[in-house]
Amino acid sequence: MIDQQKKEIRKQIREKKKKYSLLEKKANSKIIFEKIERLDDFMRAKTILVYWSMPDEVFTHDFVLRWYHKKKVLLPVVKGDELELKVFSGLEDMIKGEQYGIEEPVGESFYQFKEIDLIIVPGVAFDKKNNRLGRGKAYYDKLLKESKAIKVGVCFDFQYLDEVPTDKHDIKMDTIIYN
């Protein structure tokens, strides 16, 4: 029942995303990251985990490039059914990943999870109770349950719903930021 509800929401959001151009998504993403950059938790953070966005996600490339010289910026790399964290050290150290064809850093792996201060988390949808609906692979849920870092879900306004179905494995965000 819950799996079917999740599948239906993923389908609805996928259709809504198609109505927005990359330019519109980038403009809305800029608004989202301007809000993040004003958060006290962000200003205090020394090590942040973000993601290198796919075309249908909140666009992170400009944010990563703006901050990686000032803070330690980590990006996830898909390894089997887990996420491995890598330190972002510049565009010249990125290669196309095998799993999803997303650019991934080839730099050093990062294992000091306790040092991560802030995690910017993508999602298909979020709700008013800070629940997150991901793509269904549980990559982030596995990673987030190990972390005490501040979890910031990011999404476009049409991905912020009254309620998303959850099960016991789903990890709540500390806050959700949308345009």
Protein backbone atom coordinates (compact mmCIF):
# COMPACT_ATOMS: atom_id res chain seq x y z
CA MET A 1 0.00 0.00 0.00
CA ILE A 2 2.68 2.52 1.05
CA ASP A 3 4.95 1.37 -1.81
CA GLN A 4 2.13 2.00 -4.29
CA GLN A 5 1.47 5.47 -2.85
CA LYS A 6 5.19 6.30 -3.08
CA LYS A 7 5.29 5.06 -6.68
CA GLU A 8 2.30 7.25 -7.60
CA ILE A 9 3.83 10.39 -6.04
CA ARG A 10 7.12 9.73 -7.86
CA LYS A 11 5.20 9.50 -11.13
CA GLN A 12 3.24 12.73 -10.47
CA ILE A 13 6.38 14.67 -9.55
CA ARG A 14 8.24 13.33 -12.61
CA GLU A 15 5.44 14.70 -14.81
CA LYS A 16 5.50 18.10 -13.07
CA LYS A 17 9.28 18.37 -13.46
CA LYS A 18 8.92 17.99 -17.23
CA LYS A 19 7.00 21.29 -17.36
CA TYR A 20 10.05 23.28 -16.23
CA SER A 21 13.03 24.17 -18.41
CA LEU A 22 16.58 23.79 -17.14
CA LEU A 23 16.78 27.59 -17.01
CA GLU A 24 13.68 27.76 -14.76
CA LYS A 25 15.05 24.99 -12.52
CA LYS A 26 18.38 26.83 -12.22
CA ALA A 27 16.64 30.13 -11.34
CA ASN A 28 14.52 28.39 -8.68
CA SER A 29 17.60 26.56 -7.37
CA LYS A 30 19.41 29.88 -6.95
CA ILE A 31 16.57 31.05 -4.66
CA ILE A 32 16.85 27.83 -2.63
CA PHE A 33 20.61 28.16 -2.14
CA GLU A 34 20.38 31.84 -1.23
CA LYS A 35 18.09 30.73 1.63
CA ILE A 36 20.53 27.99 2.67
CA GLU A 37 23.46 30.41 2.69
CA ARG A 38 21.60 32.57 5.23
CA LEU A 39 21.08 29.67 7.68
CA ASP A 40 23.13 29.88 10.88
CA ASP A 41 23.77 26.14 10.58
CA PHE A 42 25.26 26.66 7.13
CA MET A 43 27.40 29.61 8.20
CA ARG A 44 28.82 27.58 11.12
CA ALA A 45 29.37 24.42 9.07
CA LYS A 46 32.93 23.52 8.19
CA THR A 47 32.16 20.25 6.37
CA ILE A 48 29.07 19.90 4.20
CA LEU A 49 27.73 17.01 2.18
CA VAL A 50 25.83 18.08 -0.90
CA TYR A 51 25.20 16.26 -4.21
CA TRP A 52 26.11 16.87 -7.84
CA SER A 53 22.66 17.36 -9.34
CA MET A 54 21.04 15.46 -12.17
CA PRO A 55 19.06 17.55 -14.72
CA ASP A 56 15.74 16.99 -12.91
CA GLU A 57 16.99 17.95 -9.43
CA VAL A 58 17.59 21.19 -7.56
CA PHE A 59 20.72 22.45 -9.34
CA THR A 60 23.79 22.30 -7.07
CA HIS A 61 26.76 22.88 -9.39
CA ASP A 62 27.05 26.65 -8.82
CA PHE A 63 26.72 26.21 -5.05
CA VAL A 64 29.45 23.53 -4.93
CA LEU A 65 31.80 25.62 -7.05
CA ARG A 66 31.17 28.72 -4.94
CA TRP A 67 31.91 27.03 -1.59
CA TYR A 68 34.48 24.25 -2.04
CA HIS A 69 37.42 26.63 -1.45
CA LYS A 70 35.89 27.91 1.82
CA LYS A 71 34.42 24.73 3.31
CA LYS A 72 35.12 21.03 2.94
CA VAL A 73 32.52 19.96 0.37
CA LEU A 74 31.71 16.27 0.06
CA LEU A 75 29.82 14.62 -2.78
CA PRO A 76 28.33 11.12 -2.76
CA VAL A 77 29.42 8.48 -5.25
CA VAL A 78 27.22 5.42 -5.83
CA LYS A 79 29.11 2.20 -5.06
CA GLY A 80 26.82 -0.79 -5.41
CA ASP A 81 23.88 -0.10 -3.09
CA GLU A 82 25.77 2.37 -0.87
CA LEU A 83 26.95 5.95 -1.13
CA GLU A 84 30.66 6.57 -0.73
CA LEU A 85 31.66 10.13 0.14
CA LYS A 86 34.41 11.95 -1.73
CA VAL A 87 35.99 15.35 -1.17
CA PHE A 88 35.23 17.71 -4.07
CA SER A 89 38.48 19.29 -5.26
CA GLY A 90 37.43 20.88 -8.57
CA LEU A 91 35.85 20.12 -11.93
CA GLU A 92 39.12 18.67 -13.25
CA ASP A 93 38.74 15.83 -10.71
CA MET A 94 35.28 14.74 -11.89
CA ILE A 95 34.46 11.78 -14.14
CA LYS A 96 31.18 10.37 -15.42
CA GLY A 97 29.94 7.77 -12.94
CA GLU A 98 29.01 4.26 -14.02
CA GLN A 99 25.67 3.95 -12.24
CA TYR A 100 23.72 7.04 -13.30
CA GLY A 101 26.07 8.85 -15.68
CA ILE A 102 26.39 11.72 -13.18
CA GLU A 103 29.72 13.46 -12.83
CA GLU A 104 31.45 12.14 -9.69
CA PRO A 105 34.61 13.22 -7.88
CA VAL A 106 37.62 10.91 -8.06
CA GLY A 107 39.31 12.48 -5.03
CA GLU A 108 39.96 11.03 -1.62
CA SER A 109 37.24 9.06 0.15
CA PHE A 110 35.88 10.58 3.35
CA TYR A 111 35.04 8.40 6.35
CA GLN A 112 34.88 10.85 9.27
CA PHE A 113 31.06 10.98 9.35
CA LYS A 114 31.06 12.75 12.72
CA GLU A 115 32.85 15.72 11.12
CA ILE A 116 29.96 16.43 8.73
CA ASP A 117 28.08 19.47 10.01
CA LEU A 118 25.38 19.88 7.35
CA ILE A 119 23.88 17.59 4.71
CA ILE A 120 21.92 18.97 1.77
CA VAL A 121 19.59 16.17 0.72
CA PRO A 122 17.76 15.79 -2.59
CA GLY A 123 14.37 14.12 -2.74
CA VAL A 124 11.44 13.42 -5.00
CA ALA A 125 9.09 15.02 -2.45
CA PHE A 126 9.05 16.35 1.11
CA ASP A 127 6.21 17.17 3.48
CA LYS A 128 5.25 19.58 6.24
CA LYS A 129 6.43 17.12 8.91
CA ASN A 130 9.95 17.08 7.36
CA ASN A 131 9.50 13.64 5.85
CA ARG A 132 11.34 12.80 2.63
CA LEU A 133 10.41 10.61 -0.30
CA GLY A 134 13.48 9.55 -2.28
CA ARG A 135 13.87 7.69 -5.55
CA GLY A 136 13.37 4.34 -3.84
CA LYS A 137 16.91 2.99 -3.55
CA ALA A 138 17.35 4.04 0.13
CA TYR A 139 20.89 5.36 -0.53
CA TYR A 140 20.31 8.46 1.58
CA ASP A 141 18.31 6.74 4.33
CA LYS A 142 21.24 4.37 4.95
CA LEU A 143 23.70 7.27 5.01
CA LEU A 144 21.54 9.66 7.08
CA LYS A 145 20.76 7.21 9.87
CA GLU A 146 24.49 7.17 10.69
CA SER A 147 24.78 10.97 10.89
CA LYS A 148 24.14 13.58 13.58
CA ALA A 149 24.58 16.41 11.02
CA ILE A 150 21.84 18.95 10.28
CA LYS A 151 19.78 17.52 7.42
CA VAL A 152 18.41 20.08 4.95
CA GLY A 153 16.03 18.75 2.33
CA VAL A 154 15.91 20.78 -0.89
CA CYS A 155 13.14 20.78 -3.46
CA PHE A 156 11.11 22.91 -5.82
CA ASP A 157 7.82 24.24 -4.42
CA PHE A 158 5.72 21.65 -6.32
CA GLN A 159 7.69 18.90 -4.53
CA TYR A 160 6.70 20.22 -1.08
CA LEU A 161 3.51 18.33 -0.21
CA ASP A 162 1.13 18.21 2.73
CA GLU A 163 2.10 14.61 3.37
CA VAL A 164 4.27 11.86 1.91
CA PRO A 165 3.91 8.20 2.84
CA THR A 166 6.70 6.94 5.08
CA ASP A 167 7.89 3.70 6.60
CA LYS A 168 10.25 2.93 9.47
CA HIS A 169 13.40 3.26 7.31
CA ASP A 170 12.68 6.82 6.14
CA ILE A 171 14.81 9.49 7.83
CA LYS A 172 13.28 12.89 8.64
CA MET A 173 14.96 16.15 7.68
CA ASP A 174 15.69 18.91 10.19
CA THR A 175 14.35 21.49 7.74
CA ILE A 176 13.10 21.71 4.15
CA ILE A 177 14.08 24.58 1.84
CA TYR A 178 12.17 25.27 -1.37
CA ASN A 179 11.79 28.22 -3.73
